[in-house]
Protein backbone atom coordinates (compact mmCIF):
# COMPACT_ATOMS: atom_id res chain seq x y z
CA MET A 1 -29.29 59.68 2.27
CA PHE A 2 -29.33 59.32 -1.53
CA ARG A 3 -25.82 61.08 -1.90
CA ARG A 4 -24.34 58.25 0.71
CA PHE A 5 -25.16 55.59 -1.84
CA LEU A 6 -24.90 57.65 -5.06
CA PRO A 7 -20.82 56.75 -5.46
CA ALA A 8 -21.27 52.91 -4.84
CA LEU A 9 -24.02 53.37 -7.98
CA LEU A 10 -21.76 55.08 -10.05
CA VAL A 11 -18.92 52.75 -9.92
CA LEU A 12 -21.82 49.63 -10.43
CA ILE A 13 -23.15 51.55 -13.35
CA CYS A 14 -19.77 52.27 -14.38
CA PHE A 15 -18.58 48.35 -14.24
CA LEU A 16 -21.86 47.38 -16.04
CA LEU A 17 -21.30 49.59 -18.90
CA ASP A 18 -17.57 48.07 -19.11
CA THR A 19 -18.80 44.60 -18.94
CA THR A 20 -21.89 44.64 -21.12
CA VAL A 21 -21.80 47.63 -23.65
CA MET A 22 -18.22 48.64 -24.36
CA PRO A 23 -17.57 44.97 -25.53
CA VAL A 24 -20.17 45.32 -27.96
CA VAL A 25 -19.39 48.91 -29.60
CA TYR A 26 -15.43 48.50 -29.15
CA THR A 27 -12.95 45.95 -28.21
CA GLY A 28 -9.68 47.34 -29.71
CA VAL A 29 -6.48 47.93 -27.37
CA TYR A 30 -7.58 51.54 -26.41
CA ALA A 31 -10.14 51.02 -24.36
CA VAL A 32 -10.31 52.76 -21.15
CA PRO A 33 -12.32 51.06 -18.29
CA LEU A 34 -15.14 53.55 -17.30
CA THR A 35 -14.77 51.90 -13.65
CA LEU A 36 -11.45 52.99 -13.49
CA VAL A 37 -12.69 56.82 -14.38
CA ALA A 38 -15.34 56.77 -11.89
CA VAL A 39 -12.57 55.66 -9.27
CA PHE A 40 -10.45 58.26 -10.00
CA CYS A 41 -13.24 61.10 -10.22
CA ILE A 42 -14.40 59.97 -6.68
CA GLY A 43 -11.05 59.84 -5.50
CA MET A 44 -10.80 63.71 -6.48
CA VAL A 45 -14.07 64.94 -5.36
CA LEU A 46 -14.49 62.90 -2.14
CA GLY A 47 -11.09 62.08 -0.91
CA ARG A 48 -8.54 59.40 -0.14
CA MET A 49 -10.56 56.94 1.94
CA ARG A 50 -13.65 57.05 -0.17
CA GLY A 51 -11.38 56.46 -3.12
CA LEU A 52 -9.89 53.69 -1.78
CA LEU A 53 -13.30 52.21 -0.85
CA TYR A 54 -14.84 52.67 -3.98
CA GLY A 55 -11.75 51.58 -5.66
CA THR A 56 -11.99 48.51 -3.86
CA LEU A 57 -15.57 47.97 -5.12
CA GLY A 58 -14.54 48.72 -8.69
CA GLY A 59 -11.57 46.44 -8.69
CA LEU A 60 -13.18 43.70 -7.15
CA LEU A 61 -16.15 43.65 -9.45
CA MET A 62 -13.52 43.85 -12.39
CA ASP A 63 -11.72 40.99 -10.94
CA ILE A 64 -14.66 38.79 -10.49
CA THR A 65 -15.69 38.83 -13.93
CA THR A 66 -11.80 38.40 -15.47
CA GLY A 67 -11.37 35.68 -12.84
CA SER A 68 -7.80 37.02 -12.02
CA LEU A 69 -8.67 37.86 -8.48
CA GLY A 70 -6.37 40.75 -7.18
CA MET A 71 -4.70 42.53 -10.08
CA MET A 72 -7.39 44.90 -10.91
CA THR A 73 -8.33 45.44 -6.90
CA TYR A 74 -4.83 46.57 -5.83
CA TYR A 75 -4.51 48.84 -8.91
CA PHE A 76 -7.72 50.45 -8.36
CA MET A 77 -7.22 50.75 -4.42
CA PHE A 78 -3.78 52.46 -5.04
CA VAL A 79 -5.22 54.98 -7.77
CA GLY A 80 -8.11 55.83 -5.59
CA PHE A 81 -6.17 56.25 -2.40
CA MET A 82 -3.57 58.29 -4.20
CA ILE A 83 -5.52 60.64 -6.45
CA GLY A 84 -7.23 61.44 -3.21
CA LEU A 85 -4.50 61.93 -0.96
CA ILE A 86 -2.74 64.25 -3.89
CA VAL A 87 -5.27 66.19 -5.69
CA TYR A 88 -8.55 66.38 -3.08
CA VAL A 89 -8.70 69.46 -1.48
CA PRO A 90 -11.39 69.59 1.33
CA GLY A 91 -13.84 72.39 1.01
CA GLU A 92 -12.80 73.67 -2.30
CA ARG A 93 -13.69 76.79 -3.22
CA ILE A 94 -13.62 78.29 -6.84
CA LEU A 95 -10.24 80.38 -7.81
CA PRO A 96 -11.13 83.88 -8.74
CA SER A 97 -8.24 84.07 -11.46
CA ARG A 98 -8.65 82.10 -14.94
CA ARG A 99 -5.25 81.40 -14.61
CA LYS A 100 -5.16 79.37 -11.24
CA GLN A 101 -8.18 77.26 -12.78
CA GLN A 102 -6.40 76.19 -15.35
CA ARG A 103 -2.95 75.35 -13.63
CA ARG A 104 -5.02 73.49 -10.96
CA LEU A 105 -6.95 71.28 -14.08
CA ALA A 106 -3.63 71.11 -15.27
CA TRP A 107 -2.44 69.82 -12.14
CA ARG A 108 -5.00 67.45 -11.73
CA ALA A 109 -4.58 66.12 -15.31
CA ALA A 110 -0.92 65.35 -14.71
CA TRP A 111 -1.59 63.28 -11.39
CA VAL A 112 -4.35 61.33 -13.24
CA PHE A 113 -1.57 60.56 -16.29
CA ALA A 114 0.92 59.97 -14.15
CA LEU A 115 -1.01 57.58 -11.83
CA ASP A 116 -2.58 55.79 -14.78
CA THR A 117 0.48 55.45 -16.51
CA PHE A 118 2.28 54.10 -13.52
CA GLY A 119 -0.65 51.55 -13.22
CA GLU A 120 -0.37 50.40 -16.69
CA VAL A 121 3.22 49.74 -16.53
CA ALA A 122 2.86 47.77 -13.51
CA LEU A 123 0.12 45.43 -15.41
CA PHE A 124 2.41 45.16 -18.43
CA VAL A 125 5.46 44.22 -16.50
CA ILE A 126 3.18 41.49 -14.98
CA GLN A 127 1.86 40.47 -18.29
CA TYR A 128 5.50 40.43 -19.54
CA PHE A 129 6.42 37.87 -17.12
CA ASN A 130 3.39 35.88 -17.85
CA THR A 131 4.07 35.72 -21.63
CA ALA A 132 7.92 36.73 -22.02
CA GLU A 133 6.79 38.94 -25.13
CA PHE A 134 7.67 42.77 -25.44
CA GLN A 135 7.06 44.83 -28.65
CA TRP A 136 7.81 48.58 -28.55
CA ILE A 137 3.78 49.25 -29.51
CA TYR A 138 2.54 48.22 -26.17
CA LEU A 139 4.63 51.33 -24.23
CA LEU A 140 2.92 53.41 -27.03
CA ASN A 141 -0.58 51.88 -26.45
CA ILE A 142 -0.20 52.39 -22.51
CA LEU A 143 0.55 56.24 -23.55
CA ILE A 144 -2.75 56.50 -25.54
CA ARG A 145 -4.31 55.05 -22.94
CA ALA A 146 -3.38 57.22 -20.21
CA ALA A 147 -4.38 59.95 -22.43
CA LEU A 148 -7.33 59.15 -22.99
CA CYS A 149 -7.90 58.27 -19.27
CA THR A 150 -7.05 61.73 -18.59
CA ALA A 151 -9.37 63.23 -20.90
CA LEU A 152 -12.14 61.43 -19.54
CA CYS A 153 -11.59 62.13 -15.94
CA THR A 154 -11.00 66.22 -16.99
CA LEU A 155 -14.22 65.94 -18.96
CA LEU A 156 -16.22 63.89 -16.32
CA ARG A 157 -15.16 65.46 -13.08
CA PRO A 158 -17.48 68.27 -13.16
CA LEU A 159 -20.26 66.10 -13.48
CA PHE A 160 -19.08 63.81 -10.42
CA VAL A 161 -18.80 67.04 -8.37
CA ARG A 162 -22.31 67.97 -9.16
CA LEU A 163 -23.81 64.59 -8.29
CA LEU A 164 -21.54 63.66 -5.43
CA THR A 165 -21.43 67.32 -3.64
CA GLY A 166 -24.40 69.13 -5.11
CA LYS A 167 -22.31 71.94 -6.06
CA SER A 168 -21.85 73.54 -9.29
CA VAL A 169 -18.19 73.90 -10.55
CA LEU A 170 -19.12 76.08 -13.49
CA ARG A 171 -19.39 79.19 -11.25
CA ARG A 172 -17.11 81.62 -11.00
CA GLY A 173 -15.72 83.84 -8.21
CA LYS A 174 -17.59 86.81 -7.59
CA SER A 175 -16.02 89.85 -8.46
CA ARG A 176 -15.50 91.96 -5.22
CA LYS A 177 -17.34 95.33 -5.24
CA ARG A 178 -16.51 97.87 -3.03
CA GLU A 179 -19.05 99.32 -0.70
CA VAL A 180 -19.61 102.98 -0.86
CA LYS A 181 -20.87 104.22 2.56
CA SER A 182 -22.72 107.58 1.95
CA PHE A 183 -22.61 110.17 4.58
């Protein structure tokens, strides 16, 4: 029963960290919303519909605090749905070879980077039409924030898998032993 409410609780905790602790600790341009990282991880672990649901929850909470209803909600919904659609593998098993594990990790990281970059560019376009100000450093900031978000998602995904499914990601595939029958 607790696992059913755990994703909502994780989104709420990340939201509270974003709005209370992070502004005190760091207020620079490279701040990555932890709520977005939670939505990415939930979408990767639980699938597209739950990614959409918890993206809606996280986006609405972020929009209510900033007073701009709709912008972050649609962004978080899109990200949660798309990452769940593309990356989620139902009944995922642990791959036996290290190379396949690294390839799957790189594939996930590439999609997180691409979706976060797409969302950041969309928000930048909206900001440009509001302010009519463009500087090239904004694009560099977008790429750095996307890289930071990708690193956080890659590091926190095993924790989310453990919390949300109860399965350990750190186990390796068992080596196959041949059974020898004696006669």
